[in-house]
């Protein structure tokens, strides 16, 4: 009979402990998911910049070819609000051996899985630099 009383008294404590720890576990879970989303975003930006830089070093490539290569990948990965910058802007007429830099930026809050609580007003950047070939 003594064991039965202890069991009933303990069941209320377990519910209280869960009620206290549940919000902490939820914040850790949401933070982990959001961090993974931002890692995916960073990788998408870097890969988009890489694909665009590969196109930029090909002879007779145009700025629209470079931007299209990055946009294709970023749209496939559902990246929102990105911007693409190619330096130098006159790379089609640049001499061979010139380094061409492609930079892709996207804001975290428009690419967030949840509300922009964890990465509020931050912008991620992916950039690649390649030399123009013969």
N, C-alpha and C. Protein backbone atom coordinates (compact mmCIF):
# COMPACT_ATOMS: atom_id res chain seq x y z
N UNK A 1 0.82 -1.19 0.00
CA UNK A 1 0.00 0.00 0.00
C UNK A 1 0.87 1.26 0.00
N UNK A 2 2.01 1.18 0.65
CA UNK A 2 2.93 2.32 0.69
C UNK A 2 3.48 2.62 -0.71
N UNK A 3 3.75 1.59 -1.50
CA UNK A 3 4.25 1.78 -2.87
C UNK A 3 3.22 2.47 -3.75
N UNK A 4 1.99 2.17 -3.58
CA UNK A 4 0.92 2.78 -4.38
C UNK A 4 0.83 4.27 -4.11
N UNK A 5 0.96 4.69 -2.87
CA UNK A 5 0.91 6.13 -2.54
C UNK A 5 2.09 6.88 -3.16
N UNK A 6 3.27 6.29 -3.13
CA UNK A 6 4.44 6.94 -3.69
C UNK A 6 4.30 7.10 -5.21
N UNK A 7 3.72 6.11 -5.86
CA UNK A 7 3.54 6.16 -7.30
C UNK A 7 2.62 7.31 -7.68
N UNK A 8 1.51 7.49 -6.98
CA UNK A 8 0.56 8.55 -7.29
C UNK A 8 1.16 9.92 -6.99
N UNK A 9 1.91 10.05 -5.94
CA UNK A 9 2.52 11.33 -5.59
C UNK A 9 3.58 11.72 -6.63
N UNK A 10 4.28 10.77 -7.17
CA UNK A 10 5.35 11.04 -8.14
C UNK A 10 4.80 11.41 -9.52
N UNK A 11 3.62 10.95 -9.89
CA UNK A 11 3.09 11.23 -11.23
C UNK A 11 2.85 12.73 -11.42
N UNK A 12 2.47 13.44 -10.44
CA UNK A 12 2.29 14.88 -10.54
C UNK A 12 3.62 15.60 -10.71
N UNK A 13 4.68 15.11 -10.08
CA UNK A 13 6.00 15.72 -10.19
C UNK A 13 6.55 15.55 -11.60
N UNK A 14 6.31 14.43 -12.21
CA UNK A 14 6.80 14.20 -13.57
C UNK A 14 6.11 15.15 -14.55
N UNK A 15 4.83 15.38 -14.39
CA UNK A 15 4.11 16.31 -15.26
C UNK A 15 4.63 17.75 -15.07
N UNK A 16 4.92 18.12 -13.86
CA UNK A 16 5.45 19.45 -13.57
C UNK A 16 6.85 19.61 -14.17
N UNK A 17 7.69 18.59 -14.03
CA UNK A 17 9.03 18.65 -14.61
C UNK A 17 8.98 18.79 -16.12
N UNK A 18 8.07 18.07 -16.75
CA UNK A 18 7.93 18.17 -18.20
C UNK A 18 7.44 19.56 -18.61
N UNK A 19 6.51 20.12 -17.85
CA UNK A 19 5.99 21.45 -18.15
C UNK A 19 7.09 22.51 -18.04
N UNK A 20 8.04 22.31 -17.16
CA UNK A 20 9.14 23.26 -17.00
C UNK A 20 10.16 23.11 -18.12
N UNK A 21 10.48 21.89 -18.51
CA UNK A 21 11.55 21.66 -19.49
C UNK A 21 11.05 21.72 -20.93
N UNK A 22 9.78 21.56 -21.21
CA UNK A 22 9.25 21.55 -22.58
C UNK A 22 9.57 22.83 -23.36
N UNK A 23 9.39 24.03 -22.80
CA UNK A 23 9.75 25.23 -23.58
C UNK A 23 11.24 25.31 -23.93
N UNK A 24 12.08 24.85 -23.03
CA UNK A 24 13.52 24.86 -23.29
C UNK A 24 13.84 23.90 -24.44
N UNK A 25 13.26 22.72 -24.41
CA UNK A 25 13.49 21.75 -25.48
C UNK A 25 12.95 22.27 -26.81
N UNK A 26 11.82 22.96 -26.79
CA UNK A 26 11.24 23.51 -28.00
C UNK A 26 12.14 24.59 -28.60
N UNK A 27 12.69 25.45 -27.78
CA UNK A 27 13.60 26.50 -28.27
C UNK A 27 14.87 25.87 -28.85
N UNK A 28 15.39 24.85 -28.21
CA UNK A 28 16.58 24.15 -28.74
C UNK A 28 16.25 23.49 -30.08
N UNK A 29 15.09 22.88 -30.20
CA UNK A 29 14.68 22.24 -31.44
C UNK A 29 14.53 23.27 -32.56
N UNK A 30 13.82 24.36 -32.29
CA UNK A 30 13.63 25.39 -33.31
C UNK A 30 14.95 26.05 -33.70
N UNK A 31 15.82 26.28 -32.73
CA UNK A 31 17.13 26.85 -33.02
C UNK A 31 17.98 25.94 -33.88
N UNK A 32 17.90 24.65 -33.64
CA UNK A 32 18.65 23.68 -34.45
C UNK A 32 18.13 23.65 -35.89
N UNK A 33 16.82 23.65 -36.05
CA UNK A 33 16.23 23.65 -37.39
C UNK A 33 16.61 24.94 -38.13
N UNK A 34 16.54 26.07 -37.44
CA UNK A 34 16.86 27.35 -38.06
C UNK A 34 18.35 27.43 -38.43
N UNK A 35 19.21 26.92 -37.59
CA UNK A 35 20.64 26.90 -37.89
C UNK A 35 20.93 26.04 -39.12
N UNK A 36 20.29 24.91 -39.21
CA UNK A 36 20.46 24.05 -40.39
C UNK A 36 19.96 24.75 -41.65
N UNK A 37 18.87 25.49 -41.55
CA UNK A 37 18.37 26.26 -42.70
C UNK A 37 19.37 27.31 -43.14
N UNK A 38 20.00 27.97 -42.18
CA UNK A 38 20.98 29.00 -42.54
C UNK A 38 22.26 28.39 -43.12
N UNK A 39 22.64 27.21 -42.65
CA UNK A 39 23.79 26.51 -43.24
C UNK A 39 23.47 26.14 -44.69
N UNK A 40 22.25 25.67 -44.93
CA UNK A 40 21.82 25.34 -46.29
C UNK A 40 21.82 26.60 -47.17
N UNK A 41 21.35 27.72 -46.61
CA UNK A 41 21.36 28.98 -47.35
C UNK A 41 22.78 29.40 -47.70
N UNK A 42 23.70 29.32 -46.74
CA UNK A 42 25.09 29.69 -46.99
C UNK A 42 25.70 28.82 -48.09
N UNK A 43 25.45 27.53 -48.04
CA UNK A 43 25.97 26.63 -49.06
C UNK A 43 25.36 26.92 -50.42
N UNK A 44 24.07 27.24 -50.45
CA UNK A 44 23.40 27.58 -51.71
C UNK A 44 23.99 28.83 -52.33
N UNK A 45 24.29 29.83 -51.51
CA UNK A 45 24.89 31.06 -52.02
C UNK A 45 26.28 30.81 -52.58
N UNK A 46 27.06 30.01 -51.88
CA UNK A 46 28.42 29.71 -52.34
C UNK A 46 28.40 28.90 -53.63
N UNK A 47 27.52 27.92 -53.70
CA UNK A 47 27.42 27.10 -54.91
C UNK A 47 26.90 27.94 -56.08
N UNK A 48 25.94 28.83 -55.82
CA UNK A 48 25.44 29.72 -56.86
C UNK A 48 26.54 30.63 -57.38
N UNK A 49 27.37 31.16 -56.48
CA UNK A 49 28.49 32.01 -56.90
C UNK A 49 29.51 31.19 -57.70
N UNK A 50 29.73 29.96 -57.30
CA UNK A 50 30.68 29.10 -58.01
C UNK A 50 30.20 28.81 -59.43
N UNK A 51 28.92 28.45 -59.57
CA UNK A 51 28.38 28.15 -60.90
C UNK A 51 28.44 29.39 -61.80
N UNK A 52 28.14 30.55 -61.24
CA UNK A 52 28.21 31.79 -62.02
C UNK A 52 29.64 32.12 -62.40
N UNK A 53 30.58 31.92 -61.49
CA UNK A 53 31.99 32.20 -61.78
C UNK A 53 32.52 31.27 -62.87
N UNK A 54 32.07 30.03 -62.86
CA UNK A 54 32.48 29.09 -63.92
C UNK A 54 32.04 29.58 -65.29
N UNK A 55 30.81 30.13 -65.35
CA UNK A 55 30.32 30.66 -66.63
C UNK A 55 31.09 31.91 -67.02
N UNK A 56 31.45 32.74 -66.03
CA UNK A 56 32.10 34.02 -66.33
C UNK A 56 33.49 33.88 -66.94
N UNK A 57 34.17 32.78 -66.70
CA UNK A 57 35.53 32.63 -67.23
C UNK A 57 35.57 32.03 -68.63
N UNK A 58 34.42 31.62 -69.12
CA UNK A 58 34.34 31.07 -70.48
C UNK A 58 34.43 32.22 -71.48
N UNK A 59 35.19 32.06 -72.55
CA UNK A 59 35.25 33.13 -73.56
C UNK A 59 33.86 33.44 -74.12
N UNK A 60 33.62 34.71 -74.40
CA UNK A 60 32.37 35.23 -74.96
C UNK A 60 31.17 35.12 -74.02
N UNK A 61 31.41 34.92 -72.73
CA UNK A 61 30.32 34.90 -71.76
C UNK A 61 29.84 36.33 -71.51
N UNK A 62 28.55 36.48 -71.30
CA UNK A 62 27.99 37.81 -71.02
C UNK A 62 27.53 37.88 -69.57
N UNK A 63 27.23 39.09 -69.14
CA UNK A 63 26.76 39.28 -67.76
C UNK A 63 25.45 38.54 -67.54
N UNK A 64 24.57 38.54 -68.54
CA UNK A 64 23.29 37.84 -68.37
C UNK A 64 23.50 36.33 -68.28
N UNK A 65 24.50 35.78 -68.95
CA UNK A 65 24.82 34.35 -68.82
C UNK A 65 25.23 34.02 -67.39
N UNK A 66 26.05 34.89 -66.82
CA UNK A 66 26.55 34.68 -65.45
C UNK A 66 25.40 34.76 -64.45
N UNK A 67 24.59 35.79 -64.58
CA UNK A 67 23.47 35.97 -63.66
C UNK A 67 22.46 34.82 -63.81
N UNK A 68 22.21 34.39 -65.04
CA UNK A 68 21.28 33.28 -65.27
C UNK A 68 21.76 31.99 -64.61
N UNK A 69 23.07 31.74 -64.66
CA UNK A 69 23.61 30.52 -64.04
C UNK A 69 23.38 30.52 -62.54
N UNK A 70 23.61 31.68 -61.90
CA UNK A 70 23.38 31.76 -60.45
C UNK A 70 21.89 31.69 -60.13
N UNK A 71 21.08 32.41 -60.90
CA UNK A 71 19.63 32.44 -60.63
C UNK A 71 19.01 31.06 -60.77
N UNK A 72 19.46 30.30 -61.74
CA UNK A 72 18.92 28.95 -61.95
C UNK A 72 19.08 28.10 -60.69
N UNK A 73 20.27 28.13 -60.14
CA UNK A 73 20.52 27.33 -58.94
C UNK A 73 19.77 27.89 -57.73
N UNK A 74 19.81 29.21 -57.55
CA UNK A 74 19.17 29.82 -56.38
C UNK A 74 17.65 29.66 -56.43
N UNK A 75 17.07 29.76 -57.61
CA UNK A 75 15.62 29.55 -57.72
C UNK A 75 15.24 28.10 -57.45
N UNK A 76 16.08 27.18 -57.90
CA UNK A 76 15.82 25.76 -57.63
C UNK A 76 15.83 25.48 -56.13
N UNK A 77 16.73 26.14 -55.41
CA UNK A 77 16.83 25.95 -53.97
C UNK A 77 15.94 26.90 -53.17
N UNK A 78 15.09 27.65 -53.87
CA UNK A 78 14.08 28.53 -53.26
C UNK A 78 14.69 29.61 -52.36
N UNK A 79 15.80 30.19 -52.81
CA UNK A 79 16.41 31.30 -52.08
C UNK A 79 15.67 32.57 -52.45
N UNK A 80 15.29 33.36 -51.47
CA UNK A 80 14.50 34.57 -51.68
C UNK A 80 15.36 35.82 -51.48
N UNK A 81 15.11 36.85 -52.26
CA UNK A 81 15.71 38.16 -52.05
C UNK A 81 17.20 38.25 -52.28
N UNK A 82 17.74 37.43 -53.15
CA UNK A 82 19.19 37.43 -53.37
C UNK A 82 19.61 38.54 -54.32
N UNK A 83 20.88 38.89 -54.26
CA UNK A 83 21.48 39.82 -55.22
C UNK A 83 22.80 39.24 -55.69
N UNK A 84 23.13 39.48 -56.97
CA UNK A 84 24.32 38.92 -57.58
C UNK A 84 25.19 40.08 -58.08
N UNK A 85 26.47 40.06 -57.71
CA UNK A 85 27.40 41.10 -58.13
C UNK A 85 28.59 40.44 -58.81
N UNK A 86 28.93 40.94 -59.99
CA UNK A 86 30.09 40.44 -60.73
C UNK A 86 31.11 41.57 -60.82
N UNK A 87 32.34 41.29 -60.40
CA UNK A 87 33.41 42.28 -60.43
C UNK A 87 34.59 41.71 -61.20
N UNK A 88 35.14 42.37 -62.17
CA UNK A 88 34.78 43.67 -62.69
C UNK A 88 33.51 43.58 -63.54
N UNK A 89 32.80 44.68 -63.62
CA UNK A 89 31.53 44.68 -64.34
C UNK A 89 31.73 44.52 -65.85
N UNK A 90 32.89 44.89 -66.34
CA UNK A 90 33.19 44.74 -67.78
C UNK A 90 34.03 43.49 -68.05
N UNK A 91 33.75 42.41 -67.33
CA UNK A 91 34.58 41.20 -67.45
C UNK A 91 34.59 40.61 -68.85
N UNK A 92 33.54 40.75 -69.69
CA UNK A 92 33.65 40.17 -71.03
C UNK A 92 34.80 40.75 -71.85
N UNK A 93 35.14 42.02 -71.62
CA UNK A 93 36.23 42.63 -72.37
C UNK A 93 37.55 42.63 -71.58
N UNK A 94 37.56 42.02 -70.41
CA UNK A 94 38.77 41.98 -69.60
C UNK A 94 39.80 41.05 -70.24
N UNK A 95 41.05 41.32 -69.98
CA UNK A 95 42.14 40.51 -70.54
C UNK A 95 42.17 39.13 -69.88
N UNK A 96 42.73 38.18 -70.63
CA UNK A 96 42.90 36.85 -70.05
C UNK A 96 43.84 36.94 -68.85
N UNK A 97 43.56 36.18 -67.84
CA UNK A 97 44.35 36.24 -66.61
C UNK A 97 43.73 37.15 -65.56
N UNK A 98 42.67 37.88 -65.94
CA UNK A 98 41.97 38.75 -64.99
C UNK A 98 41.14 37.90 -64.04
N UNK A 99 41.16 38.25 -62.77
CA UNK A 99 40.33 37.54 -61.80
C UNK A 99 38.93 38.12 -61.80
N UNK A 100 37.95 37.24 -61.87
CA UNK A 100 36.55 37.64 -61.87
C UNK A 100 35.93 37.12 -60.58
N UNK A 101 35.30 38.04 -59.86
CA UNK A 101 34.69 37.70 -58.57
C UNK A 101 33.17 37.78 -58.69
N UNK A 102 32.51 36.71 -58.25
CA UNK A 102 31.06 36.68 -58.22
C UNK A 102 30.65 36.57 -56.76
N UNK A 103 29.78 37.49 -56.35
CA UNK A 103 29.30 37.52 -54.96
C UNK A 103 27.78 37.45 -54.97
N UNK A 104 27.24 36.55 -54.16
CA UNK A 104 25.80 36.37 -54.05
C UNK A 104 25.42 36.61 -52.59
N UNK A 105 24.44 37.49 -52.36
CA UNK A 105 23.98 37.83 -51.01
C UNK A 105 22.50 37.54 -50.88
N UNK A 106 22.10 37.16 -49.67
CA UNK A 106 20.67 36.96 -49.40
C UNK A 106 20.40 37.26 -47.92
N UNK A 107 19.29 37.92 -47.62
CA UNK A 107 18.95 38.21 -46.23
C UNK A 107 18.42 36.96 -45.53
N UNK A 108 18.79 36.82 -44.27
CA UNK A 108 18.35 35.65 -43.50
C UNK A 108 16.85 35.70 -43.20
N UNK A 109 16.32 36.89 -42.91
CA UNK A 109 14.92 36.94 -42.48
C UNK A 109 13.95 36.55 -43.58
N UNK A 110 14.27 36.77 -44.87
CA UNK A 110 13.35 36.33 -45.92
C UNK A 110 13.54 34.86 -46.28
N UNK A 111 14.59 34.23 -45.78
CA UNK A 111 14.86 32.82 -46.04
C UNK A 111 14.75 31.96 -44.78
N UNK A 112 14.14 32.50 -43.76
CA UNK A 112 14.03 31.82 -42.48
C UNK A 112 12.87 30.82 -42.49
N UNK A 113 13.06 29.69 -41.83
CA UNK A 113 12.00 28.70 -41.72
C UNK A 113 10.91 29.17 -40.77
N UNK A 114 11.31 29.88 -39.75
CA UNK A 114 10.38 30.41 -38.75
C UNK A 114 10.48 31.93 -38.78
N UNK A 115 9.92 32.56 -37.80
CA UNK A 115 10.05 34.01 -37.75
C UNK A 115 11.53 34.36 -37.57
N UNK A 116 11.96 35.52 -38.05
CA UNK A 116 13.38 35.86 -37.96
C UNK A 116 13.81 36.19 -36.53
N UNK A 117 13.65 35.24 -35.64
CA UNK A 117 13.99 35.41 -34.24
C UNK A 117 15.48 35.18 -34.00
N UNK A 118 16.02 34.14 -34.61
CA UNK A 118 17.40 33.76 -34.35
C UNK A 118 18.41 34.55 -35.19
N UNK A 119 18.08 34.83 -36.45
CA UNK A 119 19.01 35.48 -37.37
C UNK A 119 18.42 36.79 -37.88
N UNK A 120 17.88 37.58 -37.00
CA UNK A 120 17.22 38.82 -37.37
C UNK A 120 18.18 39.79 -38.05
N UNK A 121 17.79 40.33 -39.18
CA UNK A 121 18.49 41.37 -39.95
C UNK A 121 19.94 41.02 -40.30
N UNK A 122 20.25 39.76 -40.49
CA UNK A 122 21.58 39.36 -40.93
C UNK A 122 21.52 39.01 -42.42
N UNK A 123 22.63 39.19 -43.10
CA UNK A 123 22.74 38.85 -44.52
C UNK A 123 23.91 37.90 -44.69
N UNK A 124 23.67 36.82 -45.42
CA UNK A 124 24.74 35.86 -45.71
C UNK A 124 25.28 36.13 -47.11
N UNK A 125 26.56 35.83 -47.30
CA UNK A 125 27.23 36.09 -48.56
C UNK A 125 28.03 34.86 -48.98
N UNK A 126 27.94 34.54 -50.26
CA UNK A 126 28.79 33.52 -50.86
C UNK A 126 29.55 34.15 -52.00
N UNK A 127 30.85 33.93 -52.05
CA UNK A 127 31.63 34.54 -53.13
C UNK A 127 32.70 33.58 -53.64
N UNK A 128 32.99 33.71 -54.93
CA UNK A 128 34.00 32.88 -55.58
C UNK A 128 34.77 33.78 -56.54
N UNK A 129 36.06 33.53 -56.64
CA UNK A 129 36.91 34.29 -57.57
C UNK A 129 37.66 33.31 -58.46
N UNK A 130 37.57 33.53 -59.77
CA UNK A 130 38.26 32.67 -60.74
C UNK A 130 38.98 33.54 -61.76
N UNK A 131 40.01 32.96 -62.40
CA UNK A 131 40.77 33.68 -63.41
C UNK A 131 40.18 33.38 -64.79
N UNK A 132 40.05 34.43 -65.60
CA UNK A 132 39.54 34.29 -66.96
C UNK A 132 40.53 33.47 -67.78
N UNK A 133 39.99 32.49 -68.51
CA UNK A 133 40.83 31.56 -69.27
C UNK A 133 40.96 31.98 -70.72
N UNK A 134 41.85 31.31 -71.41
CA UNK A 134 42.05 31.54 -72.84
C UNK A 134 40.97 30.91 -73.64
